[in-house]
Amino acid sequence: MRMLKTKLQLIVLFLIALVTSCTYEPVDGTVEPDPDGENVNSGVFKADFSGQTWTAKETQAVISGNFIEISAIDSKGDSFGFLIEGNAAGTYAANVNIVAYTPAGTEYGYWAVNDDNPTENTGSVIITSINTQTKTISGTFSFKGYWSDSDNPRAAMQFTNGAFKDIPYISQEETADVFTAKVGGTNYVATDISAIEINNFITIGALDANQNNLAIAIKSSLGTGSYTIVNTFGADVQGYYEDQNDEYKAVSGTLNITSKTDDRIKGTFNFTTNGTTPFIITEGAFDVEY
């Protein structure tokens, strides 16, 4: 299994922002807060660490063709995020999936992977039940988290007695988000779509059934119009494609933003990547909530 914590870290960033940006908006209202600010249909999510029990105020989950995504946030903005490669009940090793706790106000967090020893058994997430009638998911977890900012290391942290019960979930097809393209003339079929705004960029991307990543990053300040993709670090518009061998950066191309609101963006794109054999991305289109 290929490690999901890639250089691009598209899905990683999605999980960090999922609980605050509401990338996936339920169509049935099951995860909407009540008028008093309490989420009465949010299920239970809790864990023990630092000598206390952490309890979520709101939760959210998505089950797609290839992944289970679960997130939880408390009243201070601290959050847990899981991205599990699978779509059924079972035990999933923490170090080969994405399992993280992120304190409020930072993009860094405690990840269940030791960069100095990636094969270390750091814990697990156990999905005990997926109830397709009530559309809820339950399970348990425990893991050892390593601080993700290697330039400012912190001691590892143990998370124990983790449990989530009756967390409402939605299916990928319920999001109404669209992300399509052709890679080398072949249709790229997204199985998981993410869209977030973080660090002054809106990052939109997807995984296909083979876990190939396709993504574009757009500076948040850009409005409707046509923009050139250039091979410059930190450019206003950037594109990426990643297969099982490597990550490739767009060196030329165009992006057209046809519609943009405070929480949704629509447009088209095409670009050519670097690499010995460049990837040609054509007929790209997106219409997503971020």
C-alpha atoms as a PDB file:
ATOM      1  CA  MET A   1       0.000   0.000   0.000  1.00  0.00           C
ATOM      2  CA  ARG A   2       1.402   3.420  -0.924  1.00  0.00           C
ATOM      3  CA  MET A   3       1.702   5.856   1.984  1.00  0.00           C
ATOM      4  CA  LEU A   4      -1.049   8.465   1.898  1.00  0.00           C
ATOM      5  CA  LYS A   5       1.141  11.135   3.515  1.00  0.00           C
ATOM      6  CA  THR A   6       2.512  12.393   0.192  1.00  0.00           C
ATOM      7  CA  LYS A   7       4.673  15.366  -0.639  1.00  0.00           C
ATOM      8  CA  LEU A   8       1.647  17.140  -2.026  1.00  0.00           C
ATOM      9  CA  GLN A   9      -0.349  16.367   1.130  1.00  0.00           C
ATOM     10  CA  LEU A  10      -3.602  17.279  -0.589  1.00  0.00           C
ATOM     11  CA  ILE A  11      -5.730  15.009   1.534  1.00  0.00           C
ATOM     12  CA  VAL A  12      -3.726  15.905   4.630  1.00  0.00           C
ATOM     13  CA  LEU A  13      -4.595  19.567   4.260  1.00  0.00           C
ATOM     14  CA  PHE A  14      -8.203  18.628   3.588  1.00  0.00           C
ATOM     15  CA  LEU A  15      -8.429  16.847   6.921  1.00  0.00           C
ATOM     16  CA  ILE A  16      -6.879  19.752   8.802  1.00  0.00           C
ATOM     17  CA  ALA A  17      -9.547  22.100   7.467  1.00  0.00           C
ATOM     18  CA  LEU A  18     -12.486  19.704   7.107  1.00  0.00           C
ATOM     19  CA  VAL A  19     -14.078  20.371  10.455  1.00  0.00           C
ATOM     20  CA  THR A  20     -13.855  24.140  10.137  1.00  0.00           C
ATOM     21  CA  SER A  21     -14.438  24.731   6.425  1.00  0.00           C
ATOM     22  CA  CYS A  22     -17.241  22.158   5.985  1.00  0.00           C
ATOM     23  CA  THR A  23     -15.995  21.036   2.594  1.00  0.00           C
ATOM     24  CA  TYR A  24     -18.646  18.322   2.605  1.00  0.00           C
ATOM     25  CA  GLU A  25     -22.062  19.782   3.331  1.00  0.00           C
ATOM     26  CA  PRO A  26     -24.790  17.261   4.180  1.00  0.00           C
ATOM     27  CA  VAL A  27     -27.888  17.466   2.029  1.00  0.00           C
ATOM     28  CA  ASP A  28     -30.167  16.095   4.740  1.00  0.00           C
ATOM     29  CA  GLY A  29     -29.115  18.376   7.602  1.00  0.00           C
ATOM     30  CA  THR A  30     -27.973  15.529   9.858  1.00  0.00           C
ATOM     31  CA  VAL A  31     -24.846  17.377  10.941  1.00  0.00           C
ATOM     32  CA  GLU A  32     -26.295  20.867  11.197  1.00  0.00           C
ATOM     33  CA  PRO A  33     -26.122  22.584  14.606  1.00  0.00           C
ATOM     34  CA  ASP A  34     -29.367  23.398  16.386  1.00  0.00           C
ATOM     35  CA  PRO A  35     -30.371  27.043  17.005  1.00  0.00           C
ATOM     36  CA  ASP A  36     -28.655  27.026  20.405  1.00  0.00           C
ATOM     37  CA  GLY A  37     -25.336  26.017  18.834  1.00  0.00           C
ATOM     38  CA  GLU A  38     -25.422  22.420  20.033  1.00  0.00           C
ATOM     39  CA  ASN A  39     -25.241  19.656  17.454  1.00  0.00           C
ATOM     40  CA  VAL A  40     -27.984  17.276  18.571  1.00  0.00           C
ATOM     41  CA  ASN A  41     -27.344  14.732  15.805  1.00  0.00           C
ATOM     42  CA  SER A  42     -23.565  14.723  15.923  1.00  0.00           C
ATOM     43  CA  GLY A  43     -23.032  11.435  17.756  1.00  0.00           C
ATOM     44  CA  VAL A  44     -20.262  11.036  20.339  1.00  0.00           C
ATOM     45  CA  PHE A  45     -16.508  11.396  19.780  1.00  0.00           C
ATOM     46  CA  LYS A  46     -14.016  11.389  22.651  1.00  0.00           C
ATOM     47  CA  ALA A  47     -10.449  10.467  23.599  1.00  0.00           C
ATOM     48  CA  ASP A  48      -8.098  10.643  26.580  1.00  0.00           C
ATOM     49  CA  PHE A  49      -4.770  12.510  26.460  1.00  0.00           C
ATOM     50  CA  SER A  50      -2.756  14.920  28.624  1.00  0.00           C
ATOM     51  CA  GLY A  51      -4.570  13.667  31.703  1.00  0.00           C
ATOM     52  CA  GLN A  52      -8.050  14.605  30.547  1.00  0.00           C
ATOM     53  CA  THR A  53     -10.919  13.457  28.336  1.00  0.00           C
ATOM     54  CA  TRP A  54     -11.456  15.395  25.119  1.00  0.00           C
ATOM     55  CA  THR A  55     -15.046  15.540  23.836  1.00  0.00           C
ATOM     56  CA  ALA A  56     -16.164  16.808  20.426  1.00  0.00           C
ATOM     57  CA  LYS A  57     -18.811  19.467  19.969  1.00  0.00           C
ATOM     58  CA  GLU A  58     -19.400  18.639  16.293  1.00  0.00           C
ATOM     59  CA  THR A  59     -18.520  15.704  14.052  1.00  0.00           C
ATOM     60  CA  GLN A  60     -18.676  14.834  10.390  1.00  0.00           C
ATOM     61  CA  ALA A  61     -18.016  11.761   8.239  1.00  0.00           C
ATOM     62  CA  VAL A  62     -17.938  10.834   4.562  1.00  0.00           C
ATOM     63  CA  ILE A  63     -17.820   7.324   3.104  1.00  0.00           C
ATOM     64  CA  SER A  64     -16.749   7.185  -0.529  1.00  0.00           C
ATOM     65  CA  GLY A  65     -15.701   4.465  -2.925  1.00  0.00           C
ATOM     66  CA  ASN A  66     -12.220   4.132  -1.434  1.00  0.00           C
ATOM     67  CA  PHE A  67     -12.096   6.025   1.834  1.00  0.00           C
ATOM     68  CA  ILE A  68     -13.709   6.725   5.183  1.00  0.00           C
ATOM     69  CA  GLU A  69     -13.232  10.288   6.398  1.00  0.00           C
ATOM     70  CA  ILE A  70     -14.095  11.227   9.985  1.00  0.00           C
ATOM     71  CA  SER A  71     -13.546  14.564  11.684  1.00  0.00           C
ATOM     72  CA  ALA A  72     -14.425  16.088  15.039  1.00  0.00           C
ATOM     73  CA  ILE A  73     -13.973  19.519  16.602  1.00  0.00           C
ATOM     74  CA  ASP A  74     -14.434  20.876  20.119  1.00  0.00           C
ATOM     75  CA  SER A  75     -15.597  24.306  21.288  1.00  0.00           C
ATOM     76  CA  LYS A  76     -12.016  25.664  21.247  1.00  0.00           C
ATOM     77  CA  GLY A  77     -11.296  24.561  17.690  1.00  0.00           C
ATOM     78  CA  ASP A  78      -9.059  21.585  18.490  1.00  0.00           C
ATOM     79  CA  SER A  79      -9.809  18.728  16.106  1.00  0.00           C
ATOM     80  CA  PHE A  80      -9.263  15.101  15.170  1.00  0.00           C
ATOM     81  CA  GLY A  81      -9.172  13.935  11.562  1.00  0.00           C
ATOM     82  CA  PHE A  82      -9.037  10.414  10.119  1.00  0.00           C
ATOM     83  CA  LEU A  83      -8.675   9.358   6.500  1.00  0.00           C
ATOM     84  CA  ILE A  84      -8.932   5.580   6.283  1.00  0.00           C
ATOM     85  CA  GLU A  85      -8.254   3.630   3.097  1.00  0.00           C
ATOM     86  CA  GLY A  86     -11.278   1.352   3.102  1.00  0.00           C
ATOM     87  CA  ASN A  87     -15.055   1.491   3.188  1.00  0.00           C
ATOM     88  CA  ALA A  88     -16.100  -1.271   5.592  1.00  0.00           C
ATOM     89  CA  ALA A  89     -15.911  -2.297   9.240  1.00  0.00           C
ATOM     90  CA  GLY A  90     -12.488  -3.557  10.294  1.00  0.00           C
ATOM     91  CA  THR A  91      -9.175  -2.674  11.925  1.00  0.00           C
ATOM     92  CA  TYR A  92      -6.956  -0.122  10.180  1.00  0.00           C
ATOM     93  CA  ALA A  93      -3.330   0.547  11.122  1.00  0.00           C
ATOM     94  CA  ALA A  94      -2.776   4.181  12.067  1.00  0.00           C
ATOM     95  CA  ASN A  95       0.682   4.562  10.531  1.00  0.00           C
ATOM     96  CA  VAL A  96      -0.414   3.701   6.964  1.00  0.00           C
ATOM     97  CA  ASN A  97      -3.537   5.844   7.050  1.00  0.00           C
ATOM     98  CA  ILE A  98      -4.027   9.444   8.122  1.00  0.00           C
ATOM     99  CA  VAL A  99      -4.808   9.735  11.826  1.00  0.00           C
ATOM    100  CA  ALA A 100      -4.166  13.089  13.465  1.00  0.00           C
ATOM    101  CA  TYR A 101      -5.012  15.520  16.246  1.00  0.00           C
ATOM    102  CA  THR A 102      -4.632  19.236  15.445  1.00  0.00           C
ATOM    103  CA  PRO A 103      -4.682  21.959  18.131  1.00  0.00           C
ATOM    104  CA  ALA A 104      -6.582  25.130  17.249  1.00  0.00           C
ATOM    105  CA  GLY A 105      -4.747  27.890  15.401  1.00  0.00           C
ATOM    106  CA  THR A 106      -2.102  25.803  13.649  1.00  0.00           C
ATOM    107  CA  GLU A 107      -1.733  23.712  10.521  1.00  0.00           C
ATOM    108  CA  TYR A 108       0.492  21.276  12.429  1.00  0.00           C
ATOM    109  CA  GLY A 109      -0.602  18.443  14.646  1.00  0.00           C
ATOM    110  CA  TYR A 110       0.144  15.086  16.227  1.00  0.00           C
ATOM    111  CA  TRP A 111       0.243  12.473  13.460  1.00  0.00           C
ATOM    112  CA  ALA A 112       0.182   8.713  13.914  1.00  0.00           C
ATOM    113  CA  VAL A 113       3.321   8.241  11.836  1.00  0.00           C
ATOM    114  CA  ASN A 114       6.947   8.444  12.911  1.00  0.00           C
ATOM    115  CA  ASP A 115       8.903  10.030  10.070  1.00  0.00           C
ATOM    116  CA  ASP A 116      12.106   8.530  11.488  1.00  0.00           C
ATOM    117  CA  ASN A 117      10.541   5.052  11.550  1.00  0.00           C
ATOM    118  CA  PRO A 118       7.489   4.938   9.241  1.00  0.00           C
ATOM    119  CA  THR A 119       6.872   1.236   9.917  1.00  0.00           C
ATOM    120  CA  GLU A 120       6.406   1.786  13.666  1.00  0.00           C
ATOM    121  CA  ASN A 121       3.089   0.418  14.896  1.00  0.00           C
ATOM    122  CA  THR A 122       1.611   3.624  16.300  1.00  0.00           C
ATOM    123  CA  GLY A 123      -1.922   2.372  16.909  1.00  0.00           C
ATOM    124  CA  SER A 124      -5.137   1.724  15.027  1.00  0.00           C
ATOM    125  CA  VAL A 125      -8.646   2.837  14.168  1.00  0.00           C
ATOM    126  CA  ILE A 126     -11.295   0.132  14.475  1.00  0.00           C
ATOM    127  CA  ILE A 127     -14.525   0.658  12.560  1.00  0.00           C
ATOM    128  CA  THR A 128     -16.995  -1.469  14.512  1.00  0.00           C
ATOM    129  CA  SER A 129     -20.200  -0.547  12.708  1.00  0.00           C
ATOM    130  CA  ILE A 130     -21.468   1.187   9.581  1.00  0.00           C
ATOM    131  CA  ASN A 131     -25.246   1.368   9.823  1.00  0.00           C
ATOM    132  CA  THR A 132     -26.607   1.948   6.332  1.00  0.00           C
ATOM    133  CA  GLN A 133     -30.144   2.388   7.646  1.00  0.00           C
ATOM    134  CA  THR A 134     -29.433   5.240  10.049  1.00  0.00           C
ATOM    135  CA  LYS A 135     -26.333   6.321   8.070  1.00  0.00           C
ATOM    136  CA  THR A 136     -24.093   6.381  11.124  1.00  0.00           C
ATOM    137  CA  ILE A 137     -20.604   5.049  11.826  1.00  0.00           C
ATOM    138  CA  SER A 138     -19.075   3.877  15.123  1.00  0.00           C
ATOM    139  CA  GLY A 139     -15.692   2.648  16.315  1.00  0.00           C
ATOM    140  CA  THR A 140     -12.697   3.010  18.599  1.00  0.00           C
ATOM    141  CA  PHE A 141      -9.107   4.247  18.258  1.00  0.00           C
ATOM    142  CA  SER A 142      -5.819   4.774  20.017  1.00  0.00           C
ATOM    143  CA  PHE A 143      -2.516   6.034  18.669  1.00  0.00           C
ATOM    144  CA  LYS A 144       0.845   7.595  19.416  1.00  0.00           C
ATOM    145  CA  GLY A 145       1.079  11.000  17.741  1.00  0.00           C
ATOM    146  CA  TYR A 146       4.268  12.669  16.510  1.00  0.00           C
ATOM    147  CA  TRP A 147       4.356  16.461  16.056  1.00  0.00           C
ATOM    148  CA  SER A 148       4.319  17.229  12.325  1.00  0.00           C
ATOM    149  CA  ASP A 149       6.469  20.372  12.401  1.00  0.00           C
ATOM    150  CA  SER A 150       9.969  18.907  12.245  1.00  0.00           C
ATOM    151  CA  ASP A 151      11.533  22.368  12.601  1.00  0.00           C
ATOM    152  CA  ASN A 152       9.883  22.813  16.017  1.00  0.00           C
ATOM    153  CA  PRO A 153       9.721  19.324  17.524  1.00  0.00           C
ATOM    154  CA  ARG A 154       7.564  18.372  20.497  1.00  0.00           C
ATOM    155  CA  ALA A 155       7.403  15.211  22.551  1.00  0.00           C
ATOM    156  CA  ALA A 156       5.187  12.459  21.160  1.00  0.00           C
ATOM    157  CA  MET A 157       1.696  12.207  22.661  1.00  0.00           C
ATOM    158  CA  GLN A 158      -0.439   9.162  23.480  1.00  0.00           C
ATOM    159  CA  PHE A 159      -4.143   9.188  22.634  1.00  0.00           C
ATOM    160  CA  THR A 160      -6.076   6.433  24.408  1.00  0.00           C
ATOM    161  CA  ASN A 161      -9.649   5.247  24.965  1.00  0.00           C
ATOM    162  CA  GLY A 162     -10.725   6.903  21.742  1.00  0.00           C
ATOM    163  CA  ALA A 163     -14.314   6.191  20.766  1.00  0.00           C
ATOM    164  CA  PHE A 164     -16.862   7.487  18.286  1.00  0.00           C
ATOM    165  CA  LYS A 165     -20.471   6.359  18.255  1.00  0.00           C
ATOM    166  CA  ASP A 166     -23.326   7.026  15.835  1.00  0.00           C
ATOM    167  CA  ILE A 167     -21.459   9.690  13.848  1.00  0.00           C
ATOM    168  CA  PRO A 168     -23.716  10.668  10.910  1.00  0.00           C
ATOM    169  CA  TYR A 169     -22.111  10.132   7.523  1.00  0.00           C
ATOM    170  CA  ILE A 170     -22.851  11.141   3.972  1.00  0.00           C
ATOM    171  CA  SER A 171     -21.825   9.519   0.718  1.00  0.00           C
ATOM    172  CA  GLN A 172     -19.481  11.162  -1.772  1.00  0.00           C
ATOM    173  CA  GLU A 173     -22.263  11.492  -4.354  1.00  0.00           C
ATOM    174  CA  GLU A 174     -24.288  13.654  -1.964  1.00  0.00           C
ATOM    175  CA  THR A 175     -21.817  16.546  -2.001  1.00  0.00           C
ATOM    176  CA  ALA A 176     -22.729  17.841  -5.509  1.00  0.00           C
ATOM    177  CA  ASP A 177     -19.049  18.736  -6.046  1.00  0.00           C
ATOM    178  CA  VAL A 178     -17.603  18.194  -9.530  1.00  0.00           C
ATOM    179  CA  PHE A 179     -13.972  17.670 -10.572  1.00  0.00           C
ATOM    180  CA  THR A 180     -13.188  16.192 -14.004  1.00  0.00           C
ATOM    181  CA  ALA A 181     -10.289  16.177 -16.464  1.00  0.00           C
ATOM    182  CA  LYS A 182      -8.374  14.129 -18.986  1.00  0.00           C
ATOM    183  CA  VAL A 183      -4.829  12.919 -18.299  1.00  0.00           C
ATOM    184  CA  GLY A 184      -2.996  12.126 -21.515  1.00  0.00           C
ATOM    185  CA  GLY A 185      -6.340  11.975 -23.312  1.00  0.00           C
ATOM    186  CA  THR A 186      -7.841   9.479 -20.831  1.00  0.00           C
ATOM    187  CA  ASN A 187     -10.723  10.446 -18.568  1.00  0.00           C
ATOM    188  CA  TYR A 188      -9.661  11.052 -14.971  1.00  0.00           C
ATOM    189  CA  VAL A 189     -12.504   9.727 -12.794  1.00  0.00           C
ATOM    190  CA  ALA A 190     -12.412  11.207  -9.311  1.00  0.00           C
ATOM    191  CA  THR A 191     -13.494   8.955  -6.458  1.00  0.00           C
ATOM    192  CA  ASP A 192     -12.707  11.472  -3.693  1.00  0.00           C
ATOM    193  CA  ILE A 193     -12.865  15.256  -4.101  1.00  0.00           C
ATOM    194  CA  SER A 194     -11.497  17.810  -1.657  1.00  0.00           C
ATOM    195  CA  ALA A 195     -11.601  21.601  -1.626  1.00  0.00           C
ATOM    196  CA  ILE A 196     -10.189  23.802   1.127  1.00  0.00           C
ATOM    197  CA  GLU A 197      -9.003  27.328   1.767  1.00  0.00           C
ATOM    198  CA  ILE A 198      -5.802  27.482   3.784  1.00  0.00           C
ATOM    199  CA  ASN A 199      -2.691  29.665   3.814  1.00  0.00           C
ATOM    200  CA  ASN A 200      -4.301  32.140   1.366  1.00  0.00           C
ATOM    201  CA  PHE A 201      -4.887  29.459  -1.280  1.00  0.00           C
ATOM    202  CA  ILE A 202      -7.929  27.474  -2.350  1.00  0.00           C
ATOM    203  CA  THR A 203      -6.708  23.962  -3.055  1.00  0.00           C
ATOM    204  CA  ILE A 204      -8.967  21.745  -5.164  1.00  0.00           C
ATOM    205  CA  GLY A 205      -8.120  18.179  -5.969  1.00  0.00           C
ATOM    206  CA  ALA A 206      -9.059  14.560  -6.109  1.00  0.00           C
ATOM    207  CA  LEU A 207      -7.966  10.953  -5.933  1.00  0.00           C
ATOM    208  CA  ASP A 208      -8.954   8.375  -8.524  1.00  0.00           C
ATOM    209  CA  ALA A 209      -9.424   4.639  -7.966  1.00  0.00           C
ATOM    210  CA  ASN A 210      -5.649   4.103  -8.395  1.00  0.00           C
ATOM    211  CA  GLN A 211      -4.843   6.825  -5.812  1.00  0.00           C
ATOM    212  CA  ASN A 212      -3.446   9.204  -8.409  1.00  0.00           C
ATOM    213  CA  ASN A 213      -3.699  12.816  -7.202  1.00  0.00           C
ATOM    214  CA  LEU A 214      -4.751  15.683  -9.464  1.00  0.00           C
ATOM    215  CA  ALA A 215      -4.917  19.149  -7.940  1.00  0.00           C
ATOM    216  CA  ILE A 216      -4.864  22.858  -8.567  1.00  0.00           C
ATOM    217  CA  ALA A 217      -4.121  25.642  -6.078  1.00  0.00           C
ATOM    218  CA  ILE A 218      -5.609  29.089  -6.573  1.00  0.00           C
ATOM    219  CA  LYS A 219      -4.700  32.216  -4.636  1.00  0.00           C
ATOM    220  CA  SER A 220      -7.746  33.156  -2.560  1.00  0.00           C
ATOM    221  CA  SER A 221      -7.719  36.778  -3.690  1.00  0.00           C
ATOM    222  CA  LEU A 222      -8.265  35.911  -7.368  1.00  0.00           C
ATOM    223  CA  GLY A 223     -11.688  36.624  -8.831  1.00  0.00           C
ATOM    224  CA  THR A 224     -13.354  35.550 -12.050  1.00  0.00           C
ATOM    225  CA  GLY A 225     -11.099  35.677 -15.100  1.00  0.00           C
ATOM    226  CA  SER A 226      -8.330  33.849 -16.971  1.00  0.00           C
ATOM    227  CA  TYR A 227      -4.934  33.177 -15.407  1.00  0.00           C
ATOM    228  CA  THR A 228      -1.670  31.675 -16.624  1.00  0.00           C
ATOM    229  CA  ILE A 229      -0.051  28.762 -14.806  1.00  0.00           C
ATOM    230  CA  VAL A 230       3.730  29.277 -14.597  1.00  0.00           C
ATOM    231  CA  ASN A 231       6.586  27.202 -13.222  1.00  0.00           C
ATOM    232  CA  THR A 232       7.250  29.451 -10.229  1.00  0.00           C
ATOM    233  CA  PHE A 233       7.111  28.493  -6.561  1.00  0.00           C
ATOM    234  CA  GLY A 234       4.304  30.351  -4.828  1.00  0.00           C
ATOM    235  CA  ALA A 235       2.678  31.431  -8.099  1.00  0.00           C
ATOM    236  CA  ASP A 236      -0.952  32.603  -7.976  1.00  0.00           C
ATOM    237  CA  VAL A 237      -2.119  29.444  -9.783  1.00  0.00           C
ATOM    238  CA  GLN A 238      -0.396  26.064  -9.465  1.00  0.00           C
ATOM    239  CA  GLY A 239      -1.133  22.569 -10.723  1.00  0.00           C
ATOM    240  CA  TYR A 240       0.006  19.108  -9.631  1.00  0.00           C
ATOM    241  CA  TYR A 241      -0.324  15.528 -10.722  1.00  0.00           C
ATOM    242  CA  GLU A 242       0.976  12.581  -8.707  1.00  0.00           C
ATOM    243  CA  ASP A 243       1.058   8.910  -9.663  1.00  0.00           C
ATOM    244  CA  GLN A 244       2.602   5.937  -7.886  1.00  0.00           C
ATOM    245  CA  ASN A 245       6.082   6.954  -9.039  1.00  0.00           C
ATOM    246  CA  ASP A 246       6.412  10.643  -8.306  1.00  0.00           C
ATOM    247  CA  GLU A 247       4.794  14.078  -8.035  1.00  0.00           C
ATOM    248  CA  TYR A 248       4.815  16.397 -11.036  1.00  0.00           C
ATOM    249  CA  LYS A 249       4.332  20.172 -11.078  1.00  0.00           C
ATOM    250  CA  ALA A 250       2.600  22.178 -13.788  1.00  0.00           C
ATOM    251  CA  VAL A 251       5.057  24.234 -15.842  1.00  0.00           C
ATOM    252  CA  SER A 252       2.527  25.836 -18.179  1.00  0.00           C
ATOM    253  CA  GLY A 253      -1.207  26.081 -18.610  1.00  0.00           C
ATOM    254  CA  THR A 254      -4.295  28.202 -18.008  1.00  0.00           C
ATOM    255  CA  LEU A 255      -7.040  28.478 -15.423  1.00  0.00           C
ATOM    256  CA  ASN A 256     -10.413  30.131 -15.963  1.00  0.00           C
ATOM    257  CA  ILE A 257     -12.544  31.048 -12.947  1.00  0.00           C
ATOM    258  CA  THR A 258     -16.070  31.412 -14.231  1.00  0.00           C
ATOM    259  CA  SER A 259     -17.868  31.842 -10.901  1.00  0.00           C
ATOM    260  CA  LYS A 260     -16.764  32.484  -7.323  1.00  0.00           C
ATOM    261  CA  THR A 261     -18.616  33.162  -4.061  1.00  0.00           C
ATOM    262  CA  ASP A 262     -17.547  33.137  -0.419  1.00  0.00           C
ATOM    263  CA  ASP A 263     -17.794  29.341  -0.289  1.00  0.00           C
ATOM    264  CA  ARG A 264     -17.986  27.990  -3.850  1.00  0.00           C
ATOM    265  CA  ILE A 265     -15.796  28.231  -6.947  1.00  0.00           C
ATOM    266  CA  LYS A 266     -16.289  27.046 -10.525  1.00  0.00           C
ATOM    267  CA  GLY A 267     -13.975  27.008 -13.505  1.00  0.00           C
ATOM    268  CA  THR A 268     -11.846  25.140 -16.050  1.00  0.00           C
ATOM    269  CA  PHE A 269      -8.147  24.379 -16.398  1.00  0.00           C
ATOM    270  CA  ASN A 270      -5.439  22.686 -18.446  1.00  0.00           C
ATOM    271  CA  PHE A 271      -1.729  22.283 -17.880  1.00  0.00           C
ATOM    272  CA  THR A 272       1.439  20.403 -18.784  1.00  0.00           C
ATOM    273  CA  THR A 273       3.725  19.033 -16.065  1.00  0.00           C
ATOM    274  CA  ASN A 274       7.454  18.649 -15.735  1.00  0.00           C
ATOM    275  CA  GLY A 275       9.089  15.215 -15.861  1.00  0.00           C
ATOM    276  CA  THR A 276      10.917  13.105 -18.427  1.00  0.00           C
ATOM    277  CA  THR A 277       7.549  12.301 -19.981  1.00  0.00           C
ATOM    278  CA  PRO A 278       5.288  15.243 -19.119  1.00  0.00           C
ATOM    279  CA  PHE A 279       1.659  14.672 -18.257  1.00  0.00           C
ATOM    280  CA  ILE A 280      -0.813  16.636 -20.388  1.00  0.00           C
ATOM    281  CA  ILE A 281      -3.921  17.613 -18.416  1.00  0.00           C
ATOM    282  CA  THR A 282      -6.826  18.798 -20.582  1.00  0.00           C
ATOM    283  CA  GLU A 283     -10.558  19.518 -20.273  1.00  0.00           C
ATOM    284  CA  GLY A 284     -10.243  20.131 -16.539  1.00  0.00           C
ATOM    285  CA  ALA A 285     -13.394  21.400 -14.853  1.00  0.00           C
ATOM    286  CA  PHE A 286     -14.429  21.998 -11.235  1.00  0.00           C
ATOM    287  CA  ASP A 287     -17.467  23.224  -9.347  1.00  0.00           C
ATOM    288  CA  VAL A 288     -16.837  22.793  -5.630  1.00  0.00           C
ATOM    289  CA  GLU A 289     -17.593  24.146  -2.184  1.00  0.00           C
ATOM    290  CA  TYR A 290     -14.512  25.190  -0.188  1.00  0.00           C
END
